[in-house]
C-alpha atoms as a PDB file:
ATOM      1  CA  UNK A   1      20.051   9.756  -6.663  1.00  0.00           C
ATOM      2  CA  UNK A   2      16.911   7.923  -7.746  1.00  0.00           C
ATOM      3  CA  UNK A   3      13.771   9.879  -6.837  1.00  0.00           C
ATOM      4  CA  UNK A   4      10.909   7.895  -5.350  1.00  0.00           C
ATOM      5  CA  UNK A   5       7.324   8.523  -4.317  1.00  0.00           C
ATOM      6  CA  UNK A   6       6.129   7.191  -0.950  1.00  0.00           C
ATOM      7  CA  UNK A   7       2.690   7.321   0.581  1.00  0.00           C
ATOM      8  CA  UNK A   8       2.501   8.773   4.081  1.00  0.00           C
ATOM      9  CA  UNK A   9       2.037   5.251   5.439  1.00  0.00           C
ATOM     10  CA  UNK A  10       5.017   3.843   3.519  1.00  0.00           C
ATOM     11  CA  UNK A  11       7.165   6.812   4.577  1.00  0.00           C
ATOM     12  CA  UNK A  12       6.269   6.275   8.245  1.00  0.00           C
ATOM     13  CA  UNK A  13       7.160   2.575   8.013  1.00  0.00           C
ATOM     14  CA  UNK A  14      10.520   3.287   6.331  1.00  0.00           C
ATOM     15  CA  UNK A  15      11.267   6.007   8.909  1.00  0.00           C
ATOM     16  CA  UNK A  16      10.468   3.595  11.752  1.00  0.00           C
ATOM     17  CA  UNK A  17      12.716   0.960  10.183  1.00  0.00           C
ATOM     18  CA  UNK A  18      15.558   3.487  10.059  1.00  0.00           C
ATOM     19  CA  UNK A  19      14.967   4.506  13.677  1.00  0.00           C
ATOM     20  CA  UNK A  20      15.196   0.867  14.757  1.00  0.00           C
ATOM     21  CA  UNK A  21      18.186  -0.095  12.581  1.00  0.00           C
ATOM     22  CA  UNK A  22      20.282   3.083  12.532  1.00  0.00           C
ATOM     23  CA  UNK A  23      22.686   1.732  15.167  1.00  0.00           C
ATOM     24  CA  UNK A  24      23.549  -1.332  13.054  1.00  0.00           C
ATOM     25  CA  UNK A  25      24.836   0.410   9.922  1.00  0.00           C
ATOM     26  CA  UNK A  26      25.208  -1.628   6.737  1.00  0.00           C
ATOM     27  CA  UNK A  27      23.706  -1.510   3.246  1.00  0.00           C
ATOM     28  CA  UNK A  28      20.066  -1.650   4.379  1.00  0.00           C
ATOM     29  CA  UNK A  29      20.499   1.411   6.608  1.00  0.00           C
ATOM     30  CA  UNK A  30      22.189   3.310   3.760  1.00  0.00           C
ATOM     31  CA  UNK A  31      19.289   2.399   1.458  1.00  0.00           C
ATOM     32  CA  UNK A  32      16.754   3.498   4.081  1.00  0.00           C
ATOM     33  CA  UNK A  33      18.493   6.883   4.312  1.00  0.00           C
ATOM     34  CA  UNK A  34      18.579   7.225   0.510  1.00  0.00           C
ATOM     35  CA  UNK A  35      14.860   6.428   0.268  1.00  0.00           C
ATOM     36  CA  UNK A  36      13.902   8.971   2.894  1.00  0.00           C
ATOM     37  CA  UNK A  37      16.196  11.666   1.454  1.00  0.00           C
ATOM     38  CA  UNK A  38      14.842  11.294  -2.088  1.00  0.00           C
ATOM     39  CA  UNK A  39      11.173  10.686  -1.233  1.00  0.00           C
ATOM     40  CA  UNK A  40       8.279  12.721  -2.473  1.00  0.00           C
ATOM     41  CA  UNK A  41       5.615  12.016   0.175  1.00  0.00           C
ATOM     42  CA  UNK A  42       1.963  11.936  -0.920  1.00  0.00           C
ATOM     43  CA  UNK A  43      -1.340  10.884   0.579  1.00  0.00           C
ATOM     44  CA  UNK A  44      -2.408   7.390  -0.460  1.00  0.00           C
ATOM     45  CA  UNK A  45      -5.281   8.686  -2.609  1.00  0.00           C
ATOM     46  CA  UNK A  46      -2.776  10.900  -4.492  1.00  0.00           C
ATOM     47  CA  UNK A  47      -0.218   8.155  -5.262  1.00  0.00           C
ATOM     48  CA  UNK A  48       0.505   7.751  -8.953  1.00  0.00           C
ATOM     49  CA  UNK A  49      -0.758   4.396 -10.293  1.00  0.00           C
ATOM     50  CA  UNK A  50       2.665   3.611 -11.819  1.00  0.00           C
ATOM     51  CA  UNK A  51       4.484   3.711  -8.436  1.00  0.00           C
ATOM     52  CA  UNK A  52       5.308   0.675  -6.285  1.00  0.00           C
ATOM     53  CA  UNK A  53       3.611   0.925  -2.879  1.00  0.00           C
ATOM     54  CA  UNK A  54       3.218  -1.647  -0.141  1.00  0.00           C
ATOM     55  CA  UNK A  55       1.183  -4.662  -1.302  1.00  0.00           C
ATOM     56  CA  UNK A  56       1.804  -3.878  -4.986  1.00  0.00           C
ATOM     57  CA  UNK A  57       2.379  -6.785  -7.382  1.00  0.00           C
ATOM     58  CA  UNK A  58       5.527  -5.927  -9.341  1.00  0.00           C
ATOM     59  CA  UNK A  59       7.479  -7.406 -12.254  1.00  0.00           C
ATOM     60  CA  UNK A  60      11.178  -6.540 -11.936  1.00  0.00           C
ATOM     61  CA  UNK A  61      14.596  -7.638 -13.148  1.00  0.00           C
ATOM     62  CA  UNK A  62      17.937  -7.818 -11.362  1.00  0.00           C
ATOM     63  CA  UNK A  63      20.997  -6.879 -13.446  1.00  0.00           C
ATOM     64  CA  UNK A  64      18.976  -7.295 -16.640  1.00  0.00           C
ATOM     65  CA  UNK A  65      18.299 -10.986 -15.932  1.00  0.00           C
ATOM     66  CA  UNK A  66      15.059 -12.951 -15.799  1.00  0.00           C
ATOM     67  CA  UNK A  67      11.808 -11.247 -14.834  1.00  0.00           C
ATOM     68  CA  UNK A  68      10.457 -11.862 -11.339  1.00  0.00           C
ATOM     69  CA  UNK A  69       6.948 -11.187 -10.050  1.00  0.00           C
ATOM     70  CA  UNK A  70       6.483 -10.446  -6.346  1.00  0.00           C
ATOM     71  CA  UNK A  71       4.145  -8.653  -3.968  1.00  0.00           C
ATOM     72  CA  UNK A  72       6.038  -6.013  -1.983  1.00  0.00           C
ATOM     73  CA  UNK A  73       5.140  -6.552   1.685  1.00  0.00           C
ATOM     74  CA  UNK A  74       5.979  -4.917   4.988  1.00  0.00           C
ATOM     75  CA  UNK A  75       7.305  -8.062   6.648  1.00  0.00           C
ATOM     76  CA  UNK A  76       7.894 -11.693   5.955  1.00  0.00           C
ATOM     77  CA  UNK A  77       4.843 -13.745   5.128  1.00  0.00           C
ATOM     78  CA  UNK A  78       5.235 -17.348   6.191  1.00  0.00           C
ATOM     79  CA  UNK A  79       4.075 -19.879   3.631  1.00  0.00           C
ATOM     80  CA  UNK A  80       4.336 -17.385   0.765  1.00  0.00           C
ATOM     81  CA  UNK A  81       7.870 -18.264  -0.391  1.00  0.00           C
ATOM     82  CA  UNK A  82       8.491 -16.974  -3.902  1.00  0.00           C
ATOM     83  CA  UNK A  83       5.364 -14.799  -3.930  1.00  0.00           C
ATOM     84  CA  UNK A  84       6.375 -11.885  -1.710  1.00  0.00           C
ATOM     85  CA  UNK A  85       9.316  -9.518  -1.358  1.00  0.00           C
ATOM     86  CA  UNK A  86       9.480  -7.891   2.095  1.00  0.00           C
ATOM     87  CA  UNK A  87      10.913  -4.400   2.459  1.00  0.00           C
ATOM     88  CA  UNK A  88      13.124  -5.759   5.230  1.00  0.00           C
ATOM     89  CA  UNK A  89      15.512  -7.008   2.516  1.00  0.00           C
ATOM     90  CA  UNK A  90      17.412  -4.661   0.157  1.00  0.00           C
ATOM     91  CA  UNK A  91      15.588  -5.728  -3.028  1.00  0.00           C
ATOM     92  CA  UNK A  92      12.160  -5.202  -1.487  1.00  0.00           C
ATOM     93  CA  UNK A  93      13.110  -1.845  -0.026  1.00  0.00           C
ATOM     94  CA  UNK A  94      14.679  -0.810  -3.335  1.00  0.00           C
ATOM     95  CA  UNK A  95      11.418  -1.501  -5.189  1.00  0.00           C
ATOM     96  CA  UNK A  96       9.307   0.588  -2.807  1.00  0.00           C
ATOM     97  CA  UNK A  97       8.509   4.002  -4.291  1.00  0.00           C
ATOM     98  CA  UNK A  98       9.964   3.342  -7.763  1.00  0.00           C
ATOM     99  CA  UNK A  99       7.993   4.051 -10.927  1.00  0.00           C
ATOM    100  CA  UNK A 100       7.395   1.673 -13.805  1.00  0.00           C
ATOM    101  CA  UNK A 101      10.525   1.807 -15.988  1.00  0.00           C
ATOM    102  CA  UNK A 102      12.731   3.212 -13.228  1.00  0.00           C
ATOM    103  CA  UNK A 103      15.958   1.532 -12.001  1.00  0.00           C
ATOM    104  CA  UNK A 104      18.035   1.754  -8.842  1.00  0.00           C
ATOM    105  CA  UNK A 105      21.514   0.511  -7.941  1.00  0.00           C
ATOM    106  CA  UNK A 106      21.588  -1.287  -4.599  1.00  0.00           C
ATOM    107  CA  UNK A 107      24.693  -1.985  -2.530  1.00  0.00           C
ATOM    108  CA  UNK A 108      24.618  -5.646  -1.501  1.00  0.00           C
ATOM    109  CA  UNK A 109      27.611  -5.377   0.808  1.00  0.00           C
ATOM    110  CA  UNK A 110      31.120  -6.778   0.381  1.00  0.00           C
ATOM    111  CA  UNK A 111      31.737  -4.478  -2.569  1.00  0.00           C
ATOM    112  CA  UNK A 112      28.929  -5.874  -4.784  1.00  0.00           C
ATOM    113  CA  UNK A 113      25.976  -4.001  -6.208  1.00  0.00           C
ATOM    114  CA  UNK A 114      22.967  -4.903  -8.320  1.00  0.00           C
ATOM    115  CA  UNK A 115      20.679  -2.895 -10.561  1.00  0.00           C
ATOM    116  CA  UNK A 116      16.964  -3.428  -9.971  1.00  0.00           C
ATOM    117  CA  UNK A 117      14.589  -2.356 -12.745  1.00  0.00           C
ATOM    118  CA  UNK A 118      10.791  -2.113 -12.412  1.00  0.00           C
ATOM    119  CA  UNK A 119       9.377  -3.633 -15.603  1.00  0.00           C
ATOM    120  CA  UNK A 120       5.668  -3.405 -14.752  1.00  0.00           C
ATOM    121  CA  UNK A 121       3.196  -2.934 -11.911  1.00  0.00           C
ATOM    122  CA  UNK A 122       0.367  -5.433 -12.161  1.00  0.00           C
ATOM    123  CA  UNK A 123      -1.537  -4.267  -9.093  1.00  0.00           C
ATOM    124  CA  UNK A 124      -1.344  -1.294  -6.781  1.00  0.00           C
ATOM    125  CA  UNK A 125      -3.852  -1.082  -3.906  1.00  0.00           C
ATOM    126  CA  UNK A 126      -4.064   2.718  -3.981  1.00  0.00           C
ATOM    127  CA  UNK A 127      -4.993   2.711  -7.683  1.00  0.00           C
ATOM    128  CA  UNK A 128      -7.921   0.335  -7.104  1.00  0.00           C
ATOM    129  CA  UNK A 129      -9.555   2.366  -4.336  1.00  0.00           C
ATOM    130  CA  UNK A 130     -12.691   4.205  -5.393  1.00  0.00           C
ATOM    131  CA  UNK A 131     -12.456   7.966  -5.480  1.00  0.00           C
ATOM    132  CA  UNK A 132     -13.960   9.605  -2.415  1.00  0.00           C
ATOM    133  CA  UNK A 133     -17.446  10.850  -3.177  1.00  0.00           C
ATOM    134  CA  UNK A 134     -17.761  14.602  -3.153  1.00  0.00           C
ATOM    135  CA  UNK A 135     -20.836  15.402  -1.115  1.00  0.00           C
ATOM    136  CA  UNK A 136     -23.559  17.499  -2.708  1.00  0.00           C
ATOM    137  CA  UNK A 137     -24.645  19.956  -0.008  1.00  0.00           C
ATOM    138  CA  UNK A 138     -28.144  20.283  -1.485  1.00  0.00           C
ATOM    139  CA  UNK A 139     -28.747  16.526  -1.507  1.00  0.00           C
ATOM    140  CA  UNK A 140     -27.606  16.153   2.086  1.00  0.00           C
ATOM    141  CA  UNK A 141     -29.997  18.861   3.270  1.00  0.00           C
ATOM    142  CA  UNK A 142     -32.993  17.589   1.286  1.00  0.00           C
ATOM    143  CA  UNK A 143     -33.506  14.482   3.396  1.00  0.00           C
ATOM    144  CA  UNK A 144     -32.889  16.134   6.767  1.00  0.00           C
ATOM    145  CA  UNK A 145     -35.637  17.311   9.064  1.00  0.00           C
ATOM    146  CA  UNK A 146     -35.058  20.270  11.290  1.00  0.00           C
ATOM    147  CA  UNK A 147     -36.957  21.149  14.462  1.00  0.00           C
ATOM    148  CA  UNK A 148     -39.397  24.020  14.279  1.00  0.00           C
ATOM    149  CA  UNK A 149     -39.507  26.416  17.196  1.00  0.00           C
ATOM    150  CA  UNK A 150     -42.987  27.545  18.172  1.00  0.00           C
ATOM    151  CA  UNK A 151     -43.855  30.291  20.634  1.00  0.00           C
ATOM    152  CA  UNK A 152     -47.254  30.433  22.204  1.00  0.00           C
ATOM    153  CA  UNK A 153     -48.623  32.566  24.970  1.00  0.00           C
ATOM    154  CA  UNK A 154     -52.052  32.976  26.465  1.00  0.00           C
ATOM    155  CA  UNK A 155     -51.955  36.740  26.333  1.00  0.00           C
ATOM    156  CA  UNK A 156     -49.841  38.908  24.140  1.00  0.00           C
ATOM    157  CA  UNK A 157     -47.097  40.860  25.890  1.00  0.00           C
ATOM    158  CA  UNK A 158     -45.007  43.684  24.498  1.00  0.00           C
ATOM    159  CA  UNK A 159     -41.460  42.701  23.638  1.00  0.00           C
ATOM    160  CA  UNK A 160     -38.699  43.703  26.037  1.00  0.00           C
ATOM    161  CA  UNK A 161     -40.925  43.950  29.118  1.00  0.00           C
ATOM    162  CA  UNK A 162     -39.992  41.584  31.944  1.00  0.00           C
ATOM    163  CA  UNK A 163     -42.861  39.520  33.143  1.00  0.00           C
ATOM    164  CA  UNK A 164     -43.399  38.241  36.643  1.00  0.00           C
ATOM    165  CA  UNK A 165     -43.587  34.523  37.084  1.00  0.00           C
ATOM    166  CA  UNK A 166     -46.974  33.621  38.452  1.00  0.00           C
ATOM    167  CA  UNK A 167     -47.634  30.548  40.441  1.00  0.00           C
ATOM    168  CA  UNK A 168     -51.130  29.363  41.133  1.00  0.00           C
ATOM    169  CA  UNK A 169     -51.813  26.616  43.638  1.00  0.00           C
ATOM    170  CA  UNK A 170     -55.120  25.489  45.164  1.00  0.00           C
ATOM    171  CA  UNK A 171     -53.554  23.819  48.207  1.00  0.00           C
ATOM    172  CA  UNK A 172     -51.249  26.630  49.144  1.00  0.00           C
ATOM    173  CA  UNK A 173     -48.364  24.191  48.901  1.00  0.00           C
ATOM    174  CA  UNK A 174     -45.486  24.969  46.613  1.00  0.00           C
ATOM    175  CA  UNK A 175     -45.624  22.334  43.830  1.00  0.00           C
ATOM    176  CA  UNK A 176     -42.167  23.263  42.482  1.00  0.00           C
ATOM    177  CA  UNK A 177     -41.380  24.389  38.975  1.00  0.00           C
ATOM    178  CA  UNK A 178     -43.886  23.650  36.288  1.00  0.00           C
ATOM    179  CA  UNK A 179     -42.998  21.470  33.322  1.00  0.00           C
ATOM    180  CA  UNK A 180     -44.232  24.029  30.848  1.00  0.00           C
END
């Protein structure tokens, strides 16, 4: 069985495809099951740069024939004939998760099979993302301002002694709680 590496996003998409198509059977369902069974699932920032992920531009061959260049996509892209390879077809799904130099045999139905070989990966979106910046705790604290608590009292009182609340009013009317 050909091992593959799938990002968490790619794995979730393949799993959803299987859930939706499992009732139909056929070569695509078998390939979906093979992919999920042999997948090493990684976060997108941990994907190896030599692995085909969604939206990767790949050079591949079929049965050792001519080289083809396609972008592996999730679904069909109208107006992009000859430029994309959706994972909704066996060849596109077969490419997903393979490494540069790796091959896979795909059942095409009716007793025929083809060998798909990844010759090169020209672009992989996960490899072009910048590394997440590791925050420097000292730098983050340097620019922050913190409130300063100040205690003031007219007359000093010993700690731990409960004080009575005094209310002074000239009119004899209760003005309510004071703001201070």
